[in-house]
N, C-alpha and C. Protein backbone atom coordinates (compact mmCIF):
# COMPACT_ATOMS: atom_id res chain seq x y z
N MET A 1 -0.72 22.66 -20.15
CA MET A 1 -1.04 21.24 -20.09
C MET A 1 -2.48 21.32 -20.37
N SER A 2 -3.23 20.47 -21.28
CA SER A 2 -4.61 20.31 -21.27
C SER A 2 -5.33 19.56 -20.38
N GLU A 3 -6.31 19.71 -20.04
CA GLU A 3 -7.30 18.80 -19.24
C GLU A 3 -7.32 17.31 -19.48
N LYS A 4 -7.26 17.06 -20.67
CA LYS A 4 -7.25 15.65 -21.03
C LYS A 4 -6.33 15.31 -20.40
N LYS A 5 -4.78 15.98 -20.87
CA LYS A 5 -3.47 15.23 -20.45
C LYS A 5 -3.32 15.32 -19.00
N ILE A 6 -4.01 16.20 -18.28
CA ILE A 6 -4.16 16.08 -16.83
C ILE A 6 -4.83 14.67 -16.00
N ILE A 7 -5.68 14.63 -16.91
CA ILE A 7 -6.73 13.50 -16.28
C ILE A 7 -6.04 12.14 -16.60
N LEU A 8 -5.52 12.29 -17.46
CA LEU A 8 -4.61 11.16 -18.26
C LEU A 8 -3.48 10.80 -17.23
N ALA A 9 -2.44 12.15 -16.97
CA ALA A 9 -1.49 12.02 -16.08
C ALA A 9 -1.99 11.31 -14.85
N SER A 10 -3.12 11.68 -14.11
CA SER A 10 -3.55 11.51 -13.05
C SER A 10 -4.19 10.05 -12.98
N ARG A 11 -4.43 9.74 -13.80
CA ARG A 11 -4.81 8.25 -13.89
C ARG A 11 -3.61 7.16 -14.08
N ILE A 12 -2.58 7.72 -14.54
CA ILE A 12 -1.28 6.53 -14.92
C ILE A 12 -1.00 6.98 -13.37
N VAL A 13 -0.44 7.78 -12.82
CA VAL A 13 -0.13 7.91 -11.36
C VAL A 13 -1.01 7.23 -10.39
N SER A 14 -2.12 7.20 -10.29
CA SER A 14 -3.15 6.29 -9.74
C SER A 14 -2.77 4.93 -9.88
N MET A 15 -2.84 4.50 -11.16
CA MET A 15 -2.41 3.23 -11.40
C MET A 15 -1.27 2.78 -11.02
N ILE A 16 -0.05 3.32 -11.10
CA ILE A 16 1.07 2.87 -10.86
C ILE A 16 1.21 2.72 -9.30
N THR A 17 0.48 3.88 -8.52
CA THR A 17 1.18 3.84 -7.01
C THR A 17 -0.29 2.96 -6.33
N THR A 18 -0.65 2.30 -6.95
CA THR A 18 -1.98 1.83 -6.18
C THR A 18 -1.33 0.79 -5.09
N PRO A 19 -2.14 0.94 -4.28
CA PRO A 19 -1.49 0.58 -2.56
C PRO A 19 -0.98 -1.13 -2.55
N PHE A 20 -1.65 -1.72 -3.63
CA PHE A 20 -1.15 -3.42 -4.00
C PHE A 20 0.34 -3.46 -4.17
N TYR A 21 0.83 -2.23 -4.68
CA TYR A 21 2.50 -2.44 -5.23
C TYR A 21 3.15 -1.96 -3.77
N LEU A 22 2.52 -1.27 -3.26
CA LEU A 22 3.50 -0.57 -1.97
C LEU A 22 4.13 -1.75 -0.83
N PRO A 23 3.65 -2.88 -0.51
CA PRO A 23 4.04 -3.87 0.36
C PRO A 23 5.65 -4.12 -0.66
N VAL A 24 5.64 -4.60 -1.76
CA VAL A 24 6.51 -4.72 -2.59
C VAL A 24 7.62 -3.71 -2.44
N LEU A 25 7.02 -2.40 -2.64
CA LEU A 25 8.29 -1.71 -2.44
C LEU A 25 9.07 -1.51 -1.38
N GLY A 26 8.34 -1.65 0.03
CA GLY A 26 8.71 -1.89 1.43
C GLY A 26 9.65 -3.03 1.67
N LEU A 27 9.42 -4.20 0.92
CA LEU A 27 10.39 -5.17 1.01
C LEU A 27 11.74 -4.82 -0.08
N ILE A 28 11.59 -4.31 -1.20
CA ILE A 28 12.58 -3.91 -2.07
C ILE A 28 13.57 -2.74 -0.92
N PHE A 29 12.80 -2.21 -0.36
CA PHE A 29 13.63 -1.22 0.36
C PHE A 29 14.45 -1.80 1.89
N MET A 30 13.69 -2.62 2.31
CA MET A 30 14.10 -3.42 3.40
C MET A 30 15.90 -4.35 2.79
N PHE A 31 15.43 -4.89 1.65
CA PHE A 31 16.67 -5.58 1.07
C PHE A 31 17.90 -4.69 0.88
N MET A 32 17.60 -3.23 0.82
CA MET A 32 18.73 -2.45 0.42
C MET A 32 19.09 -1.92 1.79
N PHE A 33 18.39 -1.73 2.71
CA PHE A 33 18.97 -0.79 3.68
C PHE A 33 19.10 -1.53 5.19
N SER A 34 18.92 -2.84 5.28
CA SER A 34 19.02 -3.67 6.27
C SER A 34 20.01 -4.84 6.19
N TYR A 35 19.95 -5.46 7.25
CA TYR A 35 21.02 -6.72 7.47
C TYR A 35 20.40 -7.71 6.47
N LEU A 36 19.33 -7.44 5.85
CA LEU A 36 18.51 -8.36 4.64
C LEU A 36 19.61 -8.17 3.59
N SER A 37 20.10 -7.17 3.43
CA SER A 37 20.95 -7.05 2.28
C SER A 37 22.14 -8.09 2.05
N VAL A 38 22.00 -8.81 3.10
CA VAL A 38 23.29 -10.15 3.10
C VAL A 38 22.64 -11.18 2.33
N PHE A 39 21.48 -11.31 2.38
CA PHE A 39 20.79 -12.93 2.04
C PHE A 39 21.15 -12.99 0.53
N PRO A 40 21.01 -14.24 0.10
CA PRO A 40 21.33 -14.41 -1.30
C PRO A 40 20.40 -13.97 -2.45
N ALA A 41 20.85 -13.40 -3.47
CA ALA A 41 20.02 -13.03 -4.41
C ALA A 41 18.57 -13.90 -4.79
N MET A 42 18.89 -15.33 -4.83
CA MET A 42 17.78 -15.90 -5.19
C MET A 42 16.48 -15.74 -3.96
N TYR A 43 16.72 -15.86 -2.94
CA TYR A 43 16.29 -15.78 -1.69
C TYR A 43 15.52 -14.30 -1.76
N LYS A 44 16.07 -13.45 -2.30
CA LYS A 44 15.60 -12.08 -2.06
C LYS A 44 14.41 -11.98 -3.34
N LEU A 45 14.73 -12.64 -4.20
CA LEU A 45 13.73 -12.80 -5.67
C LEU A 45 12.63 -13.42 -5.24
N PHE A 46 12.81 -14.60 -4.33
CA PHE A 46 11.70 -15.55 -4.04
C PHE A 46 10.81 -14.65 -3.38
N MET A 47 11.00 -14.06 -2.25
CA MET A 47 10.61 -13.10 -1.36
C MET A 47 9.71 -12.05 -2.27
N VAL A 48 10.23 -11.53 -3.10
CA VAL A 48 9.48 -10.52 -3.62
C VAL A 48 8.20 -11.04 -4.87
N LEU A 49 8.74 -12.31 -5.07
CA LEU A 49 7.43 -12.91 -5.68
C LEU A 49 6.92 -13.27 -4.99
N ILE A 50 6.63 -13.79 -3.60
CA ILE A 50 5.75 -14.12 -2.69
C ILE A 50 5.01 -12.91 -2.68
N PHE A 51 5.72 -11.65 -2.56
CA PHE A 51 4.86 -10.34 -2.19
C PHE A 51 4.09 -9.98 -3.27
N TYR A 52 4.73 -10.27 -4.49
CA TYR A 52 3.74 -9.70 -5.59
C TYR A 52 2.61 -10.72 -5.69
N LEU A 53 2.79 -12.08 -5.53
CA LEU A 53 1.55 -12.78 -5.77
C LEU A 53 0.53 -12.47 -4.94
N PHE A 54 0.75 -12.20 -3.47
CA PHE A 54 -0.52 -12.11 -2.44
C PHE A 54 -0.76 -10.56 -2.40
N THR A 55 0.12 -9.94 -2.71
CA THR A 55 -0.16 -8.36 -2.41
C THR A 55 -0.73 -7.81 -3.59
N VAL A 56 0.05 -8.35 -5.07
CA VAL A 56 -0.73 -7.54 -6.28
C VAL A 56 -1.41 -8.67 -7.21
N LEU A 57 -0.73 -9.77 -7.39
CA LEU A 57 -1.46 -10.19 -8.64
C LEU A 57 -2.96 -10.96 -8.17
N LEU A 58 -2.91 -11.87 -7.00
CA LEU A 58 -4.26 -12.36 -6.58
C LEU A 58 -5.17 -11.52 -6.53
N PRO A 59 -4.88 -10.43 -5.35
CA PRO A 59 -6.27 -9.35 -5.18
C PRO A 59 -6.42 -8.71 -6.44
N THR A 60 -5.57 -8.25 -7.39
CA THR A 60 -6.22 -7.51 -8.63
C THR A 60 -7.12 -8.47 -9.50
N TYR A 61 -6.32 -9.90 -9.32
CA TYR A 61 -7.29 -10.63 -10.28
C TYR A 61 -8.53 -10.95 -9.73
N LEU A 62 -8.62 -11.52 -8.57
CA LEU A 62 -9.89 -11.55 -7.74
C LEU A 62 -10.70 -10.36 -7.87
N ILE A 63 -10.38 -9.20 -7.42
CA ILE A 63 -11.17 -8.10 -7.62
C ILE A 63 -11.64 -7.75 -9.06
N HIS A 64 -10.82 -7.95 -10.22
CA HIS A 64 -11.19 -8.03 -11.37
C HIS A 64 -12.34 -9.14 -11.74
N VAL A 65 -12.21 -10.29 -11.29
CA VAL A 65 -13.45 -11.17 -11.40
C VAL A 65 -14.66 -10.79 -10.78
N TYR A 66 -14.70 -10.14 -9.54
CA TYR A 66 -15.86 -9.73 -9.05
C TYR A 66 -16.44 -8.56 -9.69
N GLN A 67 -15.50 -7.44 -10.01
CA GLN A 67 -15.94 -6.52 -10.87
C GLN A 67 -16.79 -6.96 -12.11
N LYS A 68 -16.13 -8.06 -12.60
CA LYS A 68 -16.92 -8.47 -14.05
C LYS A 68 -18.17 -9.40 -13.77
N TYR A 69 -18.19 -10.02 -12.65
CA TYR A 69 -19.41 -10.66 -12.18
C TYR A 69 -20.53 -9.93 -11.87
N GLU A 70 -20.00 -8.96 -11.27
CA GLU A 70 -21.29 -7.68 -10.98
C GLU A 70 -21.89 -6.61 -12.16
N GLY A 71 -20.84 -6.94 -13.26
CA GLY A 71 -21.06 -5.96 -14.25
C GLY A 71 -20.97 -4.37 -13.64
N LEU A 72 -19.79 -4.08 -12.93
CA LEU A 72 -19.43 -2.57 -12.42
C LEU A 72 -18.29 -2.06 -13.19
N THR A 73 -18.53 -1.00 -13.89
CA THR A 73 -17.27 -0.36 -13.93
C THR A 73 -16.44 0.29 -12.96
N ALA A 74 -15.30 0.39 -13.86
CA ALA A 74 -13.99 1.01 -12.68
C ALA A 74 -14.59 2.27 -11.65
N LYS A 75 -15.40 2.87 -12.20
CA LYS A 75 -15.64 4.20 -11.45
C LYS A 75 -17.11 3.49 -10.57
N GLN A 76 -17.98 2.76 -10.83
CA GLN A 76 -18.98 2.33 -10.06
C GLN A 76 -18.32 1.38 -8.82
N LEU A 77 -17.04 0.52 -9.19
CA LEU A 77 -16.68 -0.14 -8.12
C LEU A 77 -16.24 1.02 -6.72
N GLY A 78 -15.41 2.14 -7.22
CA GLY A 78 -14.80 3.12 -6.34
C GLY A 78 -16.14 4.02 -5.43
N VAL A 79 -17.35 3.33 -5.71
CA VAL A 79 -18.22 4.12 -4.84
C VAL A 79 -18.03 3.56 -3.30
N ARG A 80 -18.41 4.26 -2.60
CA ARG A 80 -18.00 3.98 -1.24
C ARG A 80 -18.81 2.60 -0.48
N GLU A 81 -20.08 2.65 -0.99
CA GLU A 81 -20.63 1.54 -0.40
C GLU A 81 -20.36 0.07 -1.46
N ARG A 82 -19.51 0.32 -2.60
CA ARG A 82 -19.12 -0.83 -3.26
C ARG A 82 -17.80 -1.28 -2.93
N ARG A 83 -17.20 -0.45 -1.85
CA ARG A 83 -15.59 -0.74 -1.74
C ARG A 83 -15.23 -1.82 -0.78
N MET A 84 -16.39 -2.08 -0.05
CA MET A 84 -16.04 -3.29 1.18
C MET A 84 -15.61 -4.61 0.65
N ILE A 85 -16.23 -5.38 -0.77
CA ILE A 85 -15.88 -6.46 -1.06
C ILE A 85 -14.19 -6.38 -1.44
N PRO A 86 -13.64 -5.25 -2.31
CA PRO A 86 -12.64 -5.56 -2.57
C PRO A 86 -11.84 -5.26 -1.53
N TYR A 87 -11.98 -4.68 -0.40
CA TYR A 87 -11.23 -4.38 0.91
C TYR A 87 -11.13 -6.18 1.29
N ILE A 88 -12.09 -6.82 1.63
CA ILE A 88 -12.25 -8.14 2.19
C ILE A 88 -11.08 -8.85 1.25
N ILE A 89 -11.48 -8.90 0.02
CA ILE A 89 -10.38 -9.64 -0.72
C ILE A 89 -9.08 -9.45 -0.71
N SER A 90 -8.71 -8.02 -0.64
CA SER A 90 -7.39 -7.81 -0.42
C SER A 90 -6.66 -8.21 1.02
N ILE A 91 -7.54 -8.05 2.08
CA ILE A 91 -7.27 -8.33 3.30
C ILE A 91 -6.85 -10.02 3.45
N LEU A 92 -7.75 -10.47 2.77
CA LEU A 92 -7.66 -12.27 2.92
C LEU A 92 -6.78 -12.52 2.17
N CYS A 93 -6.17 -11.86 1.04
CA CYS A 93 -5.14 -12.37 0.15
C CYS A 93 -3.59 -11.85 1.20
N TYR A 94 -3.70 -10.69 1.76
CA TYR A 94 -2.40 -10.09 2.57
C TYR A 94 -2.39 -11.12 3.72
N PHE A 95 -3.61 -11.49 4.26
CA PHE A 95 -3.40 -12.69 5.52
C PHE A 95 -2.90 -13.62 5.25
N PHE A 96 -3.13 -14.35 4.17
CA PHE A 96 -2.58 -15.53 3.61
C PHE A 96 -1.15 -15.53 3.36
N GLY A 97 -1.01 -14.41 2.71
CA GLY A 97 0.58 -14.15 2.48
C GLY A 97 1.37 -14.06 3.61
N TYR A 98 1.09 -13.27 4.64
CA TYR A 98 1.49 -13.36 5.89
C TYR A 98 1.57 -14.73 6.83
N TYR A 99 0.50 -15.51 6.37
CA TYR A 99 0.32 -16.84 7.20
C TYR A 99 1.80 -17.63 6.67
N LEU A 100 1.63 -17.57 5.26
CA LEU A 100 2.60 -18.48 4.65
C LEU A 100 4.23 -17.84 5.15
N LEU A 101 4.67 -16.69 5.17
CA LEU A 101 5.85 -16.29 5.75
C LEU A 101 5.95 -16.90 7.34
N THR A 102 4.74 -16.74 7.70
CA THR A 102 5.45 -17.49 9.42
C THR A 102 5.39 -18.73 9.55
N LEU A 103 4.69 -19.49 8.17
CA LEU A 103 5.16 -20.92 8.17
C LEU A 103 6.72 -21.23 7.64
N MET A 104 6.99 -20.38 7.17
CA MET A 104 8.52 -20.16 6.07
C MET A 104 9.45 -19.70 7.47
N ASN A 105 9.03 -19.09 8.63
CA ASN A 105 9.63 -18.61 9.84
C ASN A 105 10.83 -17.38 9.11
N THR A 106 9.95 -16.55 8.59
CA THR A 106 10.62 -15.60 7.70
C THR A 106 11.06 -14.44 8.85
N PRO A 107 12.12 -13.84 8.46
CA PRO A 107 12.20 -12.76 9.50
C PRO A 107 11.21 -11.56 9.79
N ASN A 108 11.36 -10.96 10.62
CA ASN A 108 9.96 -10.43 11.21
C ASN A 108 10.12 -8.61 10.75
N PHE A 109 11.28 -8.61 9.64
CA PHE A 109 11.42 -7.44 9.32
C PHE A 109 10.84 -7.56 7.55
N ILE A 110 10.57 -8.67 7.49
CA ILE A 110 9.80 -9.17 6.33
C ILE A 110 8.50 -9.29 6.54
N SER A 111 8.03 -10.02 7.38
CA SER A 111 6.52 -10.02 8.18
C SER A 111 5.86 -9.27 8.22
N VAL A 112 6.49 -8.01 8.92
CA VAL A 112 5.99 -6.67 9.62
C VAL A 112 5.46 -6.03 8.51
N ILE A 113 6.03 -5.97 7.10
CA ILE A 113 5.39 -5.56 6.33
C ILE A 113 4.03 -5.55 5.68
N PHE A 114 3.82 -7.21 5.96
CA PHE A 114 2.36 -7.63 5.62
C PHE A 114 1.51 -7.08 6.83
N VAL A 115 2.31 -7.07 8.06
CA VAL A 115 1.29 -6.65 9.16
C VAL A 115 0.62 -5.15 9.03
N VAL A 116 1.79 -4.26 8.50
CA VAL A 116 1.29 -3.12 8.42
C VAL A 116 0.37 -2.96 7.18
N ALA A 117 0.29 -3.53 6.05
CA ALA A 117 -0.46 -3.59 5.24
C ALA A 117 -1.83 -3.96 5.67
N ILE A 118 -1.86 -4.95 6.23
CA ILE A 118 -3.24 -5.76 6.70
C ILE A 118 -3.93 -4.68 7.87
N ILE A 119 -3.01 -4.12 8.59
CA ILE A 119 -3.61 -3.17 9.50
C ILE A 119 -4.47 -1.97 8.90
N ILE A 120 -3.38 -1.50 7.91
CA ILE A 120 -4.00 -0.46 7.28
C ILE A 120 -4.95 -0.47 6.21
N GLN A 121 -5.39 -1.65 6.23
CA GLN A 121 -6.69 -2.16 5.03
C GLN A 121 -7.80 -2.44 5.84
N VAL A 122 -7.54 -2.85 7.16
CA VAL A 122 -8.42 -2.98 8.04
C VAL A 122 -9.06 -1.95 8.50
N LEU A 123 -8.33 -0.77 8.75
CA LEU A 123 -8.76 0.71 9.54
C LEU A 123 -9.60 1.29 8.18
N CYS A 124 -8.87 1.28 6.87
CA CYS A 124 -9.72 1.79 5.94
C CYS A 124 -10.97 1.11 5.63
N ALA A 125 -10.97 -0.12 6.03
CA ALA A 125 -12.20 -0.68 5.23
C ALA A 125 -13.62 -0.54 6.72
N ALA A 126 -12.91 -0.29 7.46
CA ALA A 126 -13.77 -0.14 8.88
C ALA A 126 -14.21 1.67 8.82
N ILE A 127 -13.29 2.40 8.62
CA ILE A 127 -13.83 3.78 8.25
C ILE A 127 -14.64 3.98 7.06
N ASN A 128 -14.66 2.98 5.73
CA ASN A 128 -15.21 3.32 4.72
C ASN A 128 -16.73 3.03 5.17
N LYS A 129 -17.04 2.45 6.13
CA LYS A 129 -18.51 2.28 6.24
C LYS A 129 -19.30 3.71 6.54
N TRP A 130 -18.31 4.73 6.96
CA TRP A 130 -19.08 6.04 6.83
C TRP A 130 -18.68 6.92 6.17
N TRP A 131 -17.23 6.72 5.92
CA TRP A 131 -16.46 7.95 4.91
C TRP A 131 -15.37 7.25 4.17
N LYS A 132 -15.28 7.79 3.11
CA LYS A 132 -14.70 7.30 1.98
C LYS A 132 -12.98 7.48 2.12
N ILE A 133 -12.29 6.91 2.82
CA ILE A 133 -10.82 7.58 3.08
C ILE A 133 -10.15 6.83 2.12
N SER A 134 -8.87 7.70 1.73
CA SER A 134 -8.19 7.31 0.57
C SER A 134 -7.04 6.47 0.87
N ILE A 135 -7.38 5.07 0.42
CA ILE A 135 -6.61 3.87 0.69
C ILE A 135 -5.15 4.02 -0.04
N HIS A 136 -5.13 4.95 -1.16
CA HIS A 136 -3.63 5.26 -2.08
C HIS A 136 -2.89 5.90 -1.11
N SER A 137 -3.63 7.33 -0.60
CA SER A 137 -2.64 7.97 0.57
C SER A 137 -2.38 7.32 1.56
N ALA A 138 -3.30 6.34 2.23
CA ALA A 138 -3.02 5.44 3.14
C ALA A 138 -1.68 4.37 3.13
N GLY A 139 -1.42 4.01 1.87
CA GLY A 139 -0.73 3.15 1.41
C GLY A 139 0.78 3.92 1.56
N ILE A 140 0.89 4.93 0.68
CA ILE A 140 2.20 5.76 0.56
C ILE A 140 2.44 6.31 2.08
N GLY A 141 1.47 6.80 2.80
CA GLY A 141 2.00 7.15 4.02
C GLY A 141 2.32 5.88 4.68
N GLY A 142 1.88 4.79 4.60
CA GLY A 142 2.39 3.69 5.57
C GLY A 142 3.69 3.38 4.95
N VAL A 143 4.38 3.37 3.95
CA VAL A 143 5.55 3.29 3.75
C VAL A 143 6.24 4.40 4.12
N THR A 144 5.97 5.60 4.16
CA THR A 144 6.73 6.68 4.72
C THR A 144 6.71 6.20 6.30
N GLY A 145 5.92 5.86 6.84
CA GLY A 145 6.09 5.45 8.58
C GLY A 145 6.97 4.49 8.94
N MET A 146 6.64 3.62 7.97
CA MET A 146 7.93 2.23 8.10
C MET A 146 8.99 2.99 7.88
N VAL A 147 9.46 3.45 6.68
CA VAL A 147 10.86 4.37 6.54
C VAL A 147 11.67 4.97 7.96
N ILE A 148 10.75 5.78 8.40
CA ILE A 148 10.98 6.54 9.55
C ILE A 148 11.10 5.76 10.49
N ALA A 149 10.35 4.86 11.01
CA ALA A 149 10.48 3.55 11.92
C ALA A 149 11.77 2.98 11.71
N PHE A 150 12.29 2.13 10.58
CA PHE A 150 13.44 1.68 10.32
C PHE A 150 14.44 2.65 10.18
N SER A 151 14.50 3.76 10.19
CA SER A 151 15.80 4.91 10.22
C SER A 151 16.16 4.72 11.55
N PHE A 152 15.19 4.76 12.64
CA PHE A 152 15.54 4.74 14.07
C PHE A 152 16.28 3.44 14.51
N ILE A 153 15.52 2.28 13.80
CA ILE A 153 16.14 1.07 14.34
C ILE A 153 17.24 0.42 13.58
N LEU A 154 17.39 1.03 12.30
CA LEU A 154 18.77 0.62 11.85
C LEU A 154 20.03 1.69 11.57
N GLY A 155 19.54 3.04 11.94
CA GLY A 155 20.29 4.11 12.18
C GLY A 155 20.71 4.83 10.88
N PHE A 156 19.87 4.95 9.93
CA PHE A 156 20.58 5.30 8.80
C PHE A 156 19.58 6.90 8.59
N ASP A 157 20.20 7.73 7.28
CA ASP A 157 19.47 8.81 7.33
C ASP A 157 18.57 8.70 6.27
N PRO A 158 17.12 8.70 6.77
CA PRO A 158 16.39 8.81 5.56
C PRO A 158 15.85 10.00 5.04
N THR A 159 16.81 11.12 5.05
CA THR A 159 16.07 12.62 4.28
C THR A 159 15.73 12.14 2.96
N TRP A 160 16.82 11.65 2.13
CA TRP A 160 16.41 11.67 0.46
C TRP A 160 15.11 10.58 0.31
N TRP A 161 15.05 9.74 1.03
CA TRP A 161 14.06 8.84 0.80
C TRP A 161 12.38 9.48 1.37
N LEU A 162 12.70 10.15 2.16
CA LEU A 162 11.49 11.04 2.83
C LEU A 162 10.90 12.10 1.60
N CYS A 163 12.13 12.45 1.46
CA CYS A 163 11.99 13.49 0.18
C CYS A 163 11.06 12.92 -0.90
N LEU A 164 11.66 11.80 -1.50
CA LEU A 164 10.93 11.22 -2.35
C LEU A 164 9.56 10.71 -2.44
N LEU A 165 9.51 10.12 -0.94
CA LEU A 165 8.16 9.52 -0.67
C LEU A 165 6.96 10.89 -0.50
N THR A 166 7.73 11.99 0.19
CA THR A 166 6.74 13.18 0.08
C THR A 166 6.16 13.59 -0.92
N PHE A 167 7.02 13.53 -1.99
CA PHE A 167 6.83 13.95 -3.49
C PHE A 167 5.62 13.18 -4.10
N ILE A 168 6.13 11.84 -4.07
CA ILE A 168 5.02 10.48 -4.55
C ILE A 168 3.60 10.84 -3.75
N ALA A 169 3.76 11.32 -2.53
CA ALA A 169 2.77 11.18 -1.48
C ALA A 169 1.63 12.69 -2.09
N GLY A 170 2.15 13.41 -2.62
CA GLY A 170 1.69 14.90 -3.26
C GLY A 170 1.22 14.52 -4.53
N LEU A 171 1.76 13.57 -5.20
CA LEU A 171 1.50 13.25 -6.58
C LEU A 171 0.16 12.37 -6.63
N VAL A 172 0.26 11.59 -5.79
CA VAL A 172 -1.02 10.57 -5.43
C VAL A 172 -2.10 11.19 -4.89
N GLY A 173 -1.96 12.34 -4.00
CA GLY A 173 -3.09 12.96 -3.53
C GLY A 173 -3.88 13.66 -4.61
N THR A 174 -3.07 14.28 -5.28
CA THR A 174 -3.45 15.40 -6.42
C THR A 174 -4.22 14.41 -7.10
N SER A 175 -3.60 13.48 -7.80
CA SER A 175 -4.06 12.79 -8.82
C SER A 175 -5.67 12.08 -8.40
N ARG A 176 -5.78 11.65 -7.28
CA ARG A 176 -7.15 11.46 -6.48
C ARG A 176 -8.36 12.01 -6.59
N MET A 177 -7.70 13.46 -6.14
CA MET A 177 -8.46 14.38 -6.31
C MET A 177 -9.18 15.09 -7.78
N ILE A 178 -8.09 15.11 -8.52
CA ILE A 178 -8.20 15.38 -9.89
C ILE A 178 -9.23 14.41 -10.58
N LEU A 179 -9.22 13.15 -10.13
CA LEU A 179 -10.17 12.33 -10.64
C LEU A 179 -11.61 12.24 -10.01
N ARG A 180 -11.33 13.05 -9.21
CA ARG A 180 -12.72 13.31 -7.96
C ARG A 180 -13.11 12.18 -7.31
N GLN A 181 -12.34 11.30 -7.00
CA GLN A 181 -12.35 9.99 -6.30
C GLN A 181 -12.26 10.37 -4.72
N HIS A 182 -11.61 11.29 -4.29
CA HIS A 182 -11.47 11.76 -2.98
C HIS A 182 -11.14 13.30 -2.83
N SER A 183 -11.97 13.84 -1.58
CA SER A 183 -11.50 15.30 -1.31
C SER A 183 -10.25 15.38 -0.55
N LEU A 184 -9.73 16.50 -0.39
CA LEU A 184 -8.89 17.04 0.55
C LEU A 184 -8.54 16.43 1.58
N SER A 185 -9.69 16.45 2.48
CA SER A 185 -9.62 15.84 3.95
C SER A 185 -9.59 14.20 3.60
N GLN A 186 -9.97 13.43 2.67
CA GLN A 186 -10.01 12.10 2.72
C GLN A 186 -8.47 11.56 2.31
N VAL A 187 -7.75 12.68 1.64
CA VAL A 187 -6.64 12.27 1.29
C VAL A 187 -5.62 12.51 2.17
N VAL A 188 -5.71 13.51 2.78
CA VAL A 188 -4.97 13.95 4.11
C VAL A 188 -4.87 12.96 5.35
N CYS A 189 -6.30 12.78 5.42
CA CYS A 189 -6.56 11.71 6.59
C CYS A 189 -6.04 10.28 6.26
N GLY A 190 -6.29 9.81 5.28
CA GLY A 190 -5.49 8.79 4.59
C GLY A 190 -4.04 8.39 4.94
N TYR A 191 -3.46 9.34 4.47
CA TYR A 191 -2.00 9.47 4.51
C TYR A 191 -1.55 9.63 6.32
N LEU A 192 -2.41 10.49 7.05
CA LEU A 192 -1.74 10.31 8.21
C LEU A 192 -2.16 9.12 8.92
N LEU A 193 -3.43 8.31 8.59
CA LEU A 193 -3.76 7.20 9.12
C LEU A 193 -2.54 5.98 8.78
N GLY A 194 -2.26 6.06 7.57
CA GLY A 194 -0.84 5.23 7.43
C GLY A 194 0.25 5.79 7.84
N LEU A 195 0.72 6.97 7.83
CA LEU A 195 1.83 7.19 8.36
C LEU A 195 1.87 6.63 9.93
N LEU A 196 1.03 7.17 10.50
CA LEU A 196 1.17 6.69 12.20
C LEU A 196 1.16 4.76 12.11
N SER A 197 0.09 4.52 11.13
CA SER A 197 0.25 2.87 11.41
C SER A 197 1.40 2.34 11.06
N GLY A 198 2.18 2.77 9.99
CA GLY A 198 3.30 2.08 9.71
C GLY A 198 4.47 2.54 10.52
N PHE A 199 4.40 3.56 11.36
CA PHE A 199 5.72 3.98 12.11
C PHE A 199 5.36 3.29 13.60
N VAL A 200 4.01 2.99 13.84
CA VAL A 200 3.72 2.65 15.36
C VAL A 200 3.89 1.27 15.20
N ILE A 201 3.44 0.30 14.45
CA ILE A 201 3.53 -0.97 13.99
C ILE A 201 5.30 -1.61 14.24
N VAL A 202 5.91 -1.08 13.13
CA VAL A 202 7.45 -1.23 13.07
C VAL A 202 8.05 -0.90 14.31
N MET A 203 7.51 0.04 15.20
CA MET A 203 8.25 0.38 16.42
C MET A 203 7.96 -0.71 17.30
N ILE A 204 6.63 -1.30 17.58
CA ILE A 204 6.28 -2.22 18.37
C ILE A 204 6.83 -3.38 17.94
N ILE A 205 6.45 -3.99 17.14
CA ILE A 205 7.25 -5.41 16.58
C ILE A 205 8.85 -5.34 16.20
């Protein structure tokens, strides 16, 4: 495979596995493997749309507006010193989504996904002041941590899911390094941060 194809494949992987989509993935997982599977299809669809609105659509749009207003390229936006505003935008969007769920008396198994995502982003934003940790790896690590925690709580075998998530985490980390967005240590630390946050928060709540 040529260098151009490898870079293109890495960009596609990074785009598909953006942290914004991972809460939606976590929600779908819950609808498949918890008591939430008995909920009506329209309720599940409504929840997925709320998650998509506050974790994907709004933050992506607002960050794009900020990028255009500042006249920044995608590469410039990825510089550590310029990542704080996108962090703040996404954290606020996630917080308002979580607040809406609390007003709707949403089950904890759903709202905890927002809590995990918010905590991970806050931690990454704090670390970003000194070091550019990988939020992509932290996101997939968070999903993995939640799957492990829910396997204890709900009593199901997560082996195949963990194999799939580990494979995806490898693709994500490799793509971020190929694109020279992160070093190996930044990828590994991001994954471990997400993994521990997802597991501990779900087990506590």
